Every structure is written in C-alpha cells, then in structure tokens.
C-alpha cells in the first residue's frame, strides 16, 4: 500500500473530498495501482482566481457552480488558447497551488495519476529558481490545473522529486489543413504530453490543452540520439533550410535543460546545410512522432 503524504494542503469547502489521511487501512484489499491518463488544462488563459491563495492548497471542482465560486472568466485570453468549456458530467477540475512566493522562478506541476479500488493518487513536484535563472522580485502564486475523469474515490496528493528538463518534438506545416499538419509532444522522464490543436508558429505550449500519459525513460533515451551539432548550440535557435517556403513544412525540436532552451527547425526537404547526422535525426523525430500518435 502506498504511503500517503500529508502536505498541509487545505481542501476548499464545497469541492469533492480529497483524502489527506496518513493512516493506511491494511484490512482492505484495494488491489494494485494502475496509471490513469489526464488532460492538462490552461485555466489561466480563460479564468482568473477570485483570490490568490497565500498557502498551499488543492481544490477539486465538480460543477460549474463550484468553478464560479473560485474563478471568474476574463476577456484577455492566450492568443491560441483552447476551448475553456468543461463537461462536469465527465470530468472534474483539479487545481494545485504552492501559495505565495516572493519571486518568480517557482513552479508546481502535476505529473501522473495512479488509482486502485480505494483511492486516486495525484503525483506532483515543485521547482525553485535555478542557479543563474533570471527572476523578478514580484510576488508569484504558482499553480497547475488538470481535468480528471469523474470519480467518487478519495484523492491523495503525493509530492515527488522530478526533473523539469524536457524535449518537445513536432511536425509543422503552415500551408496545409487537417489533423496531421501540427503534431506536437513534450517528452519528460516521467510522462509524455500530446498537445491539442497547436497553431502554426504558436509554440508557447503553456496555452494548449494536452493529454498526459505516464511513461518513464523516454527523455533520457531520446536525448542520447541528439546530434552533437545541435547540443553545441546550447540555448540558441537554428533553422536548417527554409521550412514552409514551398508548402513542404518541417520538423520542430526543442530542448529544455535547466535555464537553457534550444530550438531547432529542420526543413522536410534535405537541404545543403543538413549533414548526415541532421538528416538521420530528422527521420528519428518523425518516427518517434508516428509511434506516439
């Protein structure tokens, strides 16, 4: 039975109950845990909090009425934000908050969900500012929001240790239409996110819903295939060829390691500036995307 972690999280009154008990009932056979997929929800693109929580808090909203008690819609949305509608007959909104922080650079993120016959466990991690990271001295209130399948089980929040480093891969073509034009995935060492309805050129992925599935080790494995030519760019942006110049589109690669963000655009056509390693890497990205669809 998994040890339940007490986090001093206040569960807002009127939301569906969440278990914060540290006592395991050893007399009940709850069965084994299985992974549960969930949907990332960019709530702050469409809603604002009526009051920012100053202490750590977790909330689980099970109706629009409960949403309206704690959030309000605002006119300013992310340029490419997804549909804010939530079907509460199928899903609950889960929000988790770190409380008041004195600077920027803090993050809280839900990473995976497991469940058995007795309970549902939401794993999450927190990140503090990294050495050398540019931060502002303005107060911040880190938060994260997801949609989970409707449930009557108690919900437990379990803090874990994870690295926020990740890779984003995608295929893009601004001239075509259809479901296969823009396929983007974020690969961490603990899960894989499939971004929904990515707009050509709109590569701020915080504004999109995503479907998350638990899978460990893919980030480490994929990082080993990245050519040294790309690794040496370290925090810069480079384009190979001229993607989209003739409706051909290209491949997108983004590597986040600590405070460094490297972005690569590779023409689908084999152009003169693409050496053998780059061409092989382009094919590897396309093959990886095909396996994740």
C-alpha atoms as a PDB file:
ATOM      1  CA  UNK A   1       0.000   0.000   0.000  1.00  0.00           C
ATOM      2  CA  UNK A   2       1.387   3.422  -0.951  1.00  0.00           C
ATOM      3  CA  UNK A   3       2.382   5.688   1.929  1.00  0.00           C
ATOM      4  CA  UNK A   4       0.118   8.737   1.916  1.00  0.00           C
ATOM      5  CA  UNK A   5       1.851  12.075   2.304  1.00  0.00           C
ATOM      6  CA  UNK A   6       0.338  14.823   4.447  1.00  0.00           C
ATOM      7  CA  UNK A   7       1.076  18.128   2.712  1.00  0.00           C
ATOM      8  CA  UNK A   8      -0.763  20.703   4.830  1.00  0.00           C
ATOM      9  CA  UNK A   9      -2.975  21.239   1.798  1.00  0.00           C
ATOM     10  CA  UNK A  10      -6.280  22.890   2.570  1.00  0.00           C
ATOM     11  CA  UNK A  11      -9.084  21.388   0.517  1.00  0.00           C
ATOM     12  CA  UNK A  12     -11.588  24.115  -0.274  1.00  0.00           C
ATOM     13  CA  UNK A  13     -15.030  23.604   1.263  1.00  0.00           C
ATOM     14  CA  UNK A  14     -17.701  22.646  -1.242  1.00  0.00           C
ATOM     15  CA  UNK A  15     -15.362  20.751  -3.541  1.00  0.00           C
ATOM     16  CA  UNK A  16     -15.318  16.984  -3.789  1.00  0.00           C
ATOM     17  CA  UNK A  17     -13.449  15.437  -0.868  1.00  0.00           C
ATOM     18  CA  UNK A  18      -9.755  14.604  -1.041  1.00  0.00           C
ATOM     19  CA  UNK A  19      -8.020  12.227   1.333  1.00  0.00           C
ATOM     20  CA  UNK A  20      -5.091  13.613   3.328  1.00  0.00           C
ATOM     21  CA  UNK A  21      -5.044  10.848   5.904  1.00  0.00           C
ATOM     22  CA  UNK A  22      -1.687   9.289   6.787  1.00  0.00           C
ATOM     23  CA  UNK A  23      -3.265   6.069   8.021  1.00  0.00           C
ATOM     24  CA  UNK A  24      -3.373   3.125   5.663  1.00  0.00           C
ATOM     25  CA  UNK A  25      -6.237   0.700   6.113  1.00  0.00           C
ATOM     26  CA  UNK A  26      -4.410  -2.618   5.961  1.00  0.00           C
ATOM     27  CA  UNK A  27      -7.638  -4.590   6.324  1.00  0.00           C
ATOM     28  CA  UNK A  28      -8.935  -3.596   2.891  1.00  0.00           C
ATOM     29  CA  UNK A  29      -7.682  -5.215  -0.303  1.00  0.00           C
ATOM     30  CA  UNK A  30      -7.533  -2.269  -2.682  1.00  0.00           C
ATOM     31  CA  UNK A  31      -5.791  -4.128  -5.497  1.00  0.00           C
ATOM     32  CA  UNK A  32      -2.807  -2.921  -7.498  1.00  0.00           C
ATOM     33  CA  UNK A  33      -2.340   0.603  -8.807  1.00  0.00           C
ATOM     34  CA  UNK A  34      -2.820   1.396 -12.493  1.00  0.00           C
ATOM     35  CA  UNK A  35      -1.891   4.534 -14.424  1.00  0.00           C
ATOM     36  CA  UNK A  36      -4.640   6.989 -15.329  1.00  0.00           C
ATOM     37  CA  UNK A  37      -4.308   9.485 -18.176  1.00  0.00           C
ATOM     38  CA  UNK A  38      -5.470  13.069 -17.673  1.00  0.00           C
ATOM     39  CA  UNK A  39      -5.858  16.344 -19.551  1.00  0.00           C
ATOM     40  CA  UNK A  40      -3.745  19.420 -18.921  1.00  0.00           C
ATOM     41  CA  UNK A  41      -5.957  22.482 -18.733  1.00  0.00           C
ATOM     42  CA  UNK A  42      -4.599  26.035 -19.336  1.00  0.00           C
ATOM     43  CA  UNK A  43      -7.144  27.567 -16.954  1.00  0.00           C
ATOM     44  CA  UNK A  44      -5.372  30.908 -16.548  1.00  0.00           C
ATOM     45  CA  UNK A  45      -5.778  31.542 -20.289  1.00  0.00           C
ATOM     46  CA  UNK A  46      -9.531  31.859 -19.725  1.00  0.00           C
ATOM     47  CA  UNK A  47     -10.131  32.277 -15.985  1.00  0.00           C
ATOM     48  CA  UNK A  48      -8.677  34.282 -13.136  1.00  0.00           C
ATOM     49  CA  UNK A  49      -8.693  33.374  -9.463  1.00  0.00           C
ATOM     50  CA  UNK A  50     -11.031  35.482  -7.364  1.00  0.00           C
ATOM     51  CA  UNK A  51      -8.442  35.265  -4.567  1.00  0.00           C
ATOM     52  CA  UNK A  52      -4.861  34.036  -4.924  1.00  0.00           C
ATOM     53  CA  UNK A  53      -4.164  31.500  -2.160  1.00  0.00           C
ATOM     54  CA  UNK A  54      -1.242  32.507   0.074  1.00  0.00           C
ATOM     55  CA  UNK A  55      -0.825  28.999   1.494  1.00  0.00           C
ATOM     56  CA  UNK A  56      -0.519  25.612  -0.260  1.00  0.00           C
ATOM     57  CA  UNK A  57      -3.950  24.444  -1.371  1.00  0.00           C
ATOM     58  CA  UNK A  58      -5.549  21.813  -3.588  1.00  0.00           C
ATOM     59  CA  UNK A  59      -9.055  22.074  -4.998  1.00  0.00           C
ATOM     60  CA  UNK A  60     -11.271  19.668  -6.907  1.00  0.00           C
ATOM     61  CA  UNK A  61     -14.221  21.336  -8.664  1.00  0.00           C
ATOM     62  CA  UNK A  62     -17.071  19.043  -9.654  1.00  0.00           C
ATOM     63  CA  UNK A  63     -19.539  21.568 -11.119  1.00  0.00           C
ATOM     64  CA  UNK A  64     -19.703  24.914 -12.905  1.00  0.00           C
ATOM     65  CA  UNK A  65     -21.289  26.356  -9.768  1.00  0.00           C
ATOM     66  CA  UNK A  66     -18.189  25.447  -7.771  1.00  0.00           C
ATOM     67  CA  UNK A  67     -15.958  26.836 -10.525  1.00  0.00           C
ATOM     68  CA  UNK A  68     -17.770  30.161 -10.348  1.00  0.00           C
ATOM     69  CA  UNK A  69     -17.207  30.369  -6.586  1.00  0.00           C
ATOM     70  CA  UNK A  70     -13.439  30.437  -7.004  1.00  0.00           C
ATOM     71  CA  UNK A  71     -12.755  31.560 -10.585  1.00  0.00           C
ATOM     72  CA  UNK A  72     -14.009  34.256 -12.920  1.00  0.00           C
ATOM     73  CA  UNK A  73     -13.774  34.377 -16.694  1.00  0.00           C
ATOM     74  CA  UNK A  74     -11.738  37.208 -18.161  1.00  0.00           C
ATOM     75  CA  UNK A  75     -11.600  38.789 -21.592  1.00  0.00           C
ATOM     76  CA  UNK A  76      -7.841  38.528 -22.018  1.00  0.00           C
ATOM     77  CA  UNK A  77      -7.065  35.022 -23.256  1.00  0.00           C
ATOM     78  CA  UNK A  78      -3.936  33.384 -24.621  1.00  0.00           C
ATOM     79  CA  UNK A  79      -3.761  34.003 -28.409  1.00  0.00           C
ATOM     80  CA  UNK A  80      -4.195  30.330 -29.246  1.00  0.00           C
ATOM     81  CA  UNK A  81      -5.858  29.068 -26.076  1.00  0.00           C
ATOM     82  CA  UNK A  82      -8.137  26.082 -26.326  1.00  0.00           C
ATOM     83  CA  UNK A  83     -11.855  25.814 -25.571  1.00  0.00           C
ATOM     84  CA  UNK A  84     -12.393  26.661 -21.866  1.00  0.00           C
ATOM     85  CA  UNK A  85     -15.573  24.555 -21.587  1.00  0.00           C
ATOM     86  CA  UNK A  86     -15.559  21.744 -19.021  1.00  0.00           C
ATOM     87  CA  UNK A  87     -18.110  18.928 -19.147  1.00  0.00           C
ATOM     88  CA  UNK A  88     -18.589  18.250 -15.434  1.00  0.00           C
ATOM     89  CA  UNK A  89     -20.714  15.180 -16.176  1.00  0.00           C
ATOM     90  CA  UNK A  90     -17.481  13.556 -17.355  1.00  0.00           C
ATOM     91  CA  UNK A  91     -14.613  15.448 -15.732  1.00  0.00           C
ATOM     92  CA  UNK A  92     -13.526  17.268 -12.563  1.00  0.00           C
ATOM     93  CA  UNK A  93     -11.099  20.172 -12.497  1.00  0.00           C
ATOM     94  CA  UNK A  94      -8.134  19.731 -10.155  1.00  0.00           C
ATOM     95  CA  UNK A  95      -6.061  22.753  -9.168  1.00  0.00           C
ATOM     96  CA  UNK A  96      -2.937  22.719  -7.028  1.00  0.00           C
ATOM     97  CA  UNK A  97      -1.194  25.810  -5.635  1.00  0.00           C
ATOM     98  CA  UNK A  98       2.164  26.441  -3.969  1.00  0.00           C
ATOM     99  CA  UNK A  99       0.981  29.564  -2.171  1.00  0.00           C
ATOM    100  CA  UNK A 100       2.696  32.951  -2.093  1.00  0.00           C
ATOM    101  CA  UNK A 101       6.293  33.075  -3.362  1.00  0.00           C
ATOM    102  CA  UNK A 102       8.479  36.177  -3.057  1.00  0.00           C
ATOM    103  CA  UNK A 103       9.938  35.942  -6.602  1.00  0.00           C
ATOM    104  CA  UNK A 104       9.364  34.308  -9.966  1.00  0.00           C
ATOM    105  CA  UNK A 105      11.079  31.034 -10.885  1.00  0.00           C
ATOM    106  CA  UNK A 106       8.864  28.727  -8.836  1.00  0.00           C
ATOM    107  CA  UNK A 107       6.741  26.001 -10.452  1.00  0.00           C
ATOM    108  CA  UNK A 108       4.304  23.359  -9.291  1.00  0.00           C
ATOM    109  CA  UNK A 109       3.285  20.605 -11.701  1.00  0.00           C
ATOM    110  CA  UNK A 110       1.080  17.525 -11.576  1.00  0.00           C
ATOM    111  CA  UNK A 111       2.894  14.719 -13.358  1.00  0.00           C
ATOM    112  CA  UNK A 112       0.978  11.453 -13.122  1.00  0.00           C
ATOM    113  CA  UNK A 113      -2.076   9.792 -11.640  1.00  0.00           C
ATOM    114  CA  UNK A 114      -2.451   6.261 -10.325  1.00  0.00           C
ATOM    115  CA  UNK A 115      -5.518   4.608  -8.870  1.00  0.00           C
ATOM    116  CA  UNK A 116      -6.708   1.395  -7.293  1.00  0.00           C
ATOM    117  CA  UNK A 117     -10.089   0.274  -5.989  1.00  0.00           C
ATOM    118  CA  UNK A 118      -9.825   2.551  -2.937  1.00  0.00           C
ATOM    119  CA  UNK A 119      -8.245   5.838  -3.962  1.00  0.00           C
ATOM    120  CA  UNK A 120      -6.787   8.048  -6.657  1.00  0.00           C
ATOM    121  CA  UNK A 121      -3.256   9.420  -6.162  1.00  0.00           C
ATOM    122  CA  UNK A 122      -2.076  12.584  -7.946  1.00  0.00           C
ATOM    123  CA  UNK A 123       1.715  12.919  -8.041  1.00  0.00           C
ATOM    124  CA  UNK A 124       3.268  16.365  -8.320  1.00  0.00           C
ATOM    125  CA  UNK A 125       6.594  18.155  -7.953  1.00  0.00           C
ATOM    126  CA  UNK A 126       7.719  21.690  -7.153  1.00  0.00           C
ATOM    127  CA  UNK A 127      10.625  23.631  -8.645  1.00  0.00           C
ATOM    128  CA  UNK A 128      12.519  26.567  -7.095  1.00  0.00           C
ATOM    129  CA  UNK A 129      14.566  29.157  -9.054  1.00  0.00           C
ATOM    130  CA  UNK A 130      17.657  27.607 -10.630  1.00  0.00           C
ATOM    131  CA  UNK A 131      21.209  28.997 -10.322  1.00  0.00           C
ATOM    132  CA  UNK A 132      21.672  31.690 -12.963  1.00  0.00           C
ATOM    133  CA  UNK A 133      17.957  31.923 -13.736  1.00  0.00           C
ATOM    134  CA  UNK A 134      16.662  35.423 -14.409  1.00  0.00           C
ATOM    135  CA  UNK A 135      13.901  36.158 -11.923  1.00  0.00           C
ATOM    136  CA  UNK A 136      11.742  39.111 -10.981  1.00  0.00           C
ATOM    137  CA  UNK A 137      11.165  40.268  -7.419  1.00  0.00           C
ATOM    138  CA  UNK A 138       7.405  40.451  -7.917  1.00  0.00           C
ATOM    139  CA  UNK A 139       5.347  38.039  -5.823  1.00  0.00           C
ATOM    140  CA  UNK A 140       4.037  34.944  -7.646  1.00  0.00           C
ATOM    141  CA  UNK A 141       1.432  32.263  -6.949  1.00  0.00           C
ATOM    142  CA  UNK A 142       2.487  29.067  -8.781  1.00  0.00           C
ATOM    143  CA  UNK A 143      -0.379  26.801  -9.833  1.00  0.00           C
ATOM    144  CA  UNK A 144      -1.294  23.964 -12.146  1.00  0.00           C
ATOM    145  CA  UNK A 145      -4.645  22.673 -13.430  1.00  0.00           C
ATOM    146  CA  UNK A 146      -5.785  19.402 -14.948  1.00  0.00           C
ATOM    147  CA  UNK A 147      -9.007  17.603 -15.836  1.00  0.00           C
ATOM    148  CA  UNK A 148      -9.503  14.105 -14.424  1.00  0.00           C
ATOM    149  CA  UNK A 149     -12.266  11.591 -15.148  1.00  0.00           C
ATOM    150  CA  UNK A 150     -15.235  11.992 -12.789  1.00  0.00           C
ATOM    151  CA  UNK A 151     -14.661   9.886  -9.687  1.00  0.00           C
ATOM    152  CA  UNK A 152     -16.149   9.112  -6.283  1.00  0.00           C
ATOM    153  CA  UNK A 153     -12.827   7.891  -4.853  1.00  0.00           C
ATOM    154  CA  UNK A 154     -10.852   9.853  -2.242  1.00  0.00           C
ATOM    155  CA  UNK A 155      -7.995  11.848  -3.811  1.00  0.00           C
ATOM    156  CA  UNK A 156      -4.496  11.866  -2.327  1.00  0.00           C
ATOM    157  CA  UNK A 157      -1.772  14.354  -3.329  1.00  0.00           C
ATOM    158  CA  UNK A 158       1.741  12.869  -3.288  1.00  0.00           C
ATOM    159  CA  UNK A 159       4.832  15.079  -3.623  1.00  0.00           C
ATOM    160  CA  UNK A 160       7.656  13.543  -5.669  1.00  0.00           C
ATOM    161  CA  UNK A 161      11.068  14.599  -6.964  1.00  0.00           C
ATOM    162  CA  UNK A 162      11.263  15.065 -10.739  1.00  0.00           C
ATOM    163  CA  UNK A 163      13.452  16.957 -13.201  1.00  0.00           C
ATOM    164  CA  UNK A 164      11.599  19.606 -15.256  1.00  0.00           C
ATOM    165  CA  UNK A 165      14.005  19.089 -18.189  1.00  0.00           C
ATOM    166  CA  UNK A 166      12.139  18.050 -21.321  1.00  0.00           C
ATOM    167  CA  UNK A 167      12.108  17.752 -25.096  1.00  0.00           C
ATOM    168  CA  UNK A 168       9.349  18.971 -27.423  1.00  0.00           C
ATOM    169  CA  UNK A 169       9.130  17.421 -30.879  1.00  0.00           C
ATOM    170  CA  UNK A 170       6.680  18.236 -33.634  1.00  0.00           C
ATOM    171  CA  UNK A 171       5.870  18.314 -37.325  1.00  0.00           C
ATOM    172  CA  UNK A 172       4.537  21.573 -38.745  1.00  0.00           C
ATOM    173  CA  UNK A 173       3.209  22.972 -42.000  1.00  0.00           C
ATOM    174  CA  UNK A 174       1.521  26.364 -42.030  1.00  0.00           C
ATOM    175  CA  UNK A 175       0.074  25.833 -45.515  1.00  0.00           C
ATOM    176  CA  UNK A 176      -1.858  22.605 -45.013  1.00  0.00           C
ATOM    177  CA  UNK A 177      -5.028  21.718 -43.147  1.00  0.00           C
ATOM    178  CA  UNK A 178      -6.087  18.590 -41.307  1.00  0.00           C
ATOM    179  CA  UNK A 179      -5.221  16.666 -38.182  1.00  0.00           C
ATOM    180  CA  UNK A 180      -1.709  15.638 -39.276  1.00  0.00           C
ATOM    181  CA  UNK A 181      -0.325  19.109 -40.026  1.00  0.00           C
ATOM    182  CA  UNK A 182       0.627  20.009 -36.456  1.00  0.00           C
ATOM    183  CA  UNK A 183       1.619  17.131 -34.171  1.00  0.00           C
ATOM    184  CA  UNK A 184       3.496  18.149 -31.027  1.00  0.00           C
ATOM    185  CA  UNK A 185       4.586  16.146 -27.991  1.00  0.00           C
ATOM    186  CA  UNK A 186       6.515  17.014 -24.855  1.00  0.00           C
ATOM    187  CA  UNK A 187       8.689  14.204 -23.546  1.00  0.00           C
ATOM    188  CA  UNK A 188       9.784  14.252 -19.912  1.00  0.00           C
ATOM    189  CA  UNK A 189      11.444  11.473 -17.977  1.00  0.00           C
ATOM    190  CA  UNK A 190       8.138  10.788 -16.198  1.00  0.00           C
ATOM    191  CA  UNK A 191       5.397  11.313 -18.826  1.00  0.00           C
ATOM    192  CA  UNK A 192       4.506  12.233 -22.392  1.00  0.00           C
ATOM    193  CA  UNK A 193       2.194  15.137 -23.247  1.00  0.00           C
ATOM    194  CA  UNK A 194       0.275  15.287 -26.522  1.00  0.00           C
ATOM    195  CA  UNK A 195      -0.630  18.926 -27.201  1.00  0.00           C
ATOM    196  CA  UNK A 196      -4.029  19.642 -28.706  1.00  0.00           C
ATOM    197  CA  UNK A 197      -4.735  21.920 -31.701  1.00  0.00           C
ATOM    198  CA  UNK A 198      -1.304  23.554 -31.929  1.00  0.00           C
ATOM    199  CA  UNK A 199      -1.346  26.579 -34.232  1.00  0.00           C
ATOM    200  CA  UNK A 200       1.477  27.076 -36.760  1.00  0.00           C
ATOM    201  CA  UNK A 201       4.036  29.413 -35.236  1.00  0.00           C
ATOM    202  CA  UNK A 202       2.292  29.394 -31.843  1.00  0.00           C
ATOM    203  CA  UNK A 203       4.895  27.436 -29.924  1.00  0.00           C
ATOM    204  CA  UNK A 204       4.226  28.679 -26.398  1.00  0.00           C
ATOM    205  CA  UNK A 205       2.926  25.327 -25.200  1.00  0.00           C
ATOM    206  CA  UNK A 206       1.577  26.666 -21.903  1.00  0.00           C
ATOM    207  CA  UNK A 207      -1.544  27.816 -23.769  1.00  0.00           C
ATOM    208  CA  UNK A 208      -2.684  24.398 -25.028  1.00  0.00           C
ATOM    209  CA  UNK A 209      -4.571  21.529 -23.514  1.00  0.00           C
ATOM    210  CA  UNK A 210      -2.682  18.264 -23.544  1.00  0.00           C
ATOM    211  CA  UNK A 211      -3.299  14.581 -22.928  1.00  0.00           C
ATOM    212  CA  UNK A 212      -0.790  13.146 -20.458  1.00  0.00           C
ATOM    213  CA  UNK A 213       0.249   9.520 -20.218  1.00  0.00           C
ATOM    214  CA  UNK A 214       2.748   8.073 -17.763  1.00  0.00           C
ATOM    215  CA  UNK A 215       5.900   6.730 -19.355  1.00  0.00           C
ATOM    216  CA  UNK A 216       9.362   6.806 -17.837  1.00  0.00           C
ATOM    217  CA  UNK A 217      12.740   6.940 -19.544  1.00  0.00           C
ATOM    218  CA  UNK A 218      11.809   8.353 -22.952  1.00  0.00           C
ATOM    219  CA  UNK A 219      13.516  11.717 -22.356  1.00  0.00           C
ATOM    220  CA  UNK A 220      16.834  10.100 -21.443  1.00  0.00           C
ATOM    221  CA  UNK A 221      16.645   7.731 -24.398  1.00  0.00           C
ATOM    222  CA  UNK A 222      15.780  10.466 -26.909  1.00  0.00           C
ATOM    223  CA  UNK A 223      18.452  12.827 -25.578  1.00  0.00           C
ATOM    224  CA  UNK A 224      21.112  10.239 -26.445  1.00  0.00           C
ATOM    225  CA  UNK A 225      20.125  10.492 -30.136  1.00  0.00           C
ATOM    226  CA  UNK A 226      20.532  14.274 -30.406  1.00  0.00           C
ATOM    227  CA  UNK A 227      23.489  15.153 -32.688  1.00  0.00           C
ATOM    228  CA  UNK A 228      26.439  16.929 -31.069  1.00  0.00           C
ATOM    229  CA  UNK A 229      25.947  19.718 -33.619  1.00  0.00           C
ATOM    230  CA  UNK A 230      22.576  20.538 -32.044  1.00  0.00           C
ATOM    231  CA  UNK A 231      23.727  20.020 -28.453  1.00  0.00           C
ATOM    232  CA  UNK A 232      26.527  22.545 -29.022  1.00  0.00           C
ATOM    233  CA  UNK A 233      24.005  25.290 -29.870  1.00  0.00           C
ATOM    234  CA  UNK A 234      23.043  25.448 -26.146  1.00  0.00           C
ATOM    235  CA  UNK A 235      20.155  27.828 -25.662  1.00  0.00           C
ATOM    236  CA  UNK A 236      20.060  29.269 -29.185  1.00  0.00           C
ATOM    237  CA  UNK A 237      17.676  28.877 -32.153  1.00  0.00           C
ATOM    238  CA  UNK A 238      18.709  27.479 -35.540  1.00  0.00           C
ATOM    239  CA  UNK A 239      16.824  26.745 -38.768  1.00  0.00           C
ATOM    240  CA  UNK A 240      18.002  24.237 -41.367  1.00  0.00           C
ATOM    241  CA  UNK A 241      16.783  25.009 -44.879  1.00  0.00           C
ATOM    242  CA  UNK A 242      13.659  27.119 -45.432  1.00  0.00           C
ATOM    243  CA  UNK A 243      10.665  25.252 -43.966  1.00  0.00           C
ATOM    244  CA  UNK A 244       7.303  26.257 -45.454  1.00  0.00           C
ATOM    245  CA  UNK A 245       8.853  28.095 -48.388  1.00  0.00           C
ATOM    246  CA  UNK A 246       7.168  25.665 -50.807  1.00  0.00           C
ATOM    247  CA  UNK A 247       4.425  24.129 -48.695  1.00  0.00           C
ATOM    248  CA  UNK A 248       6.762  21.388 -47.503  1.00  0.00           C
ATOM    249  CA  UNK A 249       6.770  22.165 -43.766  1.00  0.00           C
ATOM    250  CA  UNK A 250       9.341  20.841 -41.358  1.00  0.00           C
ATOM    251  CA  UNK A 251      10.294  19.257 -38.053  1.00  0.00           C
ATOM    252  CA  UNK A 252      10.452  21.092 -34.718  1.00  0.00           C
ATOM    253  CA  UNK A 253      12.801  20.201 -31.862  1.00  0.00           C
ATOM    254  CA  UNK A 254      13.047  21.992 -28.512  1.00  0.00           C
ATOM    255  CA  UNK A 255      15.370  21.022 -25.674  1.00  0.00           C
ATOM    256  CA  UNK A 256      14.932  22.493 -22.187  1.00  0.00           C
ATOM    257  CA  UNK A 257      17.791  21.802 -19.784  1.00  0.00           C
ATOM    258  CA  UNK A 258      17.860  23.939 -16.675  1.00  0.00           C
ATOM    259  CA  UNK A 259      17.659  27.571 -17.791  1.00  0.00           C
ATOM    260  CA  UNK A 260      18.747  26.852 -21.387  1.00  0.00           C
ATOM    261  CA  UNK A 261      16.187  26.452 -24.192  1.00  0.00           C
ATOM    262  CA  UNK A 262      17.416  25.276 -27.594  1.00  0.00           C
ATOM    263  CA  UNK A 263      15.026  25.442 -30.572  1.00  0.00           C
ATOM    264  CA  UNK A 264      15.614  23.787 -33.947  1.00  0.00           C
ATOM    265  CA  UNK A 265      13.570  23.942 -37.168  1.00  0.00           C
ATOM    266  CA  UNK A 266      14.502  21.417 -39.874  1.00  0.00           C
ATOM    267  CA  UNK A 267      13.199  21.631 -43.441  1.00  0.00           C
ATOM    268  CA  UNK A 268      11.395  18.495 -44.618  1.00  0.00           C
ATOM    269  CA  UNK A 269      13.461  18.770 -47.800  1.00  0.00           C
ATOM    270  CA  UNK A 270      17.077  17.602 -47.478  1.00  0.00           C
ATOM    271  CA  UNK A 271      18.867  20.941 -47.878  1.00  0.00           C
ATOM    272  CA  UNK A 272      22.612  21.540 -48.250  1.00  0.00           C
ATOM    273  CA  UNK A 273      23.052  22.664 -44.641  1.00  0.00           C
ATOM    274  CA  UNK A 274      21.744  19.328 -43.334  1.00  0.00           C
ATOM    275  CA  UNK A 275      24.578  16.891 -42.775  1.00  0.00           C
ATOM    276  CA  UNK A 276      24.135  13.153 -42.443  1.00  0.00           C
ATOM    277  CA  UNK A 277      23.560  13.349 -38.667  1.00  0.00           C
ATOM    278  CA  UNK A 278      20.875  16.030 -39.022  1.00  0.00           C
ATOM    279  CA  UNK A 279      19.048  14.058 -41.717  1.00  0.00           C
ATOM    280  CA  UNK A 280      19.103  10.911 -39.596  1.00  0.00           C
ATOM    281  CA  UNK A 281      17.907  12.876 -36.569  1.00  0.00           C
ATOM    282  CA  UNK A 282      15.067  14.401 -38.602  1.00  0.00           C
ATOM    283  CA  UNK A 283      13.940  10.893 -39.552  1.00  0.00           C
ATOM    284  CA  UNK A 284      14.234   9.744 -35.924  1.00  0.00           C
ATOM    285  CA  UNK A 285      11.943  12.578 -34.789  1.00  0.00           C
ATOM    286  CA  UNK A 286       9.359  11.724 -37.444  1.00  0.00           C
ATOM    287  CA  UNK A 287       9.494   8.046 -36.467  1.00  0.00           C
ATOM    288  CA  UNK A 288       9.069   8.943 -32.791  1.00  0.00           C
ATOM    289  CA  UNK A 289       6.060  11.144 -33.554  1.00  0.00           C
ATOM    290  CA  UNK A 290       4.485   8.380 -35.645  1.00  0.00           C
ATOM    291  CA  UNK A 291       4.872   5.982 -32.708  1.00  0.00           C
ATOM    292  CA  UNK A 292       3.171   8.441 -30.321  1.00  0.00           C
ATOM    293  CA  UNK A 293       0.118   9.302 -32.428  1.00  0.00           C
END
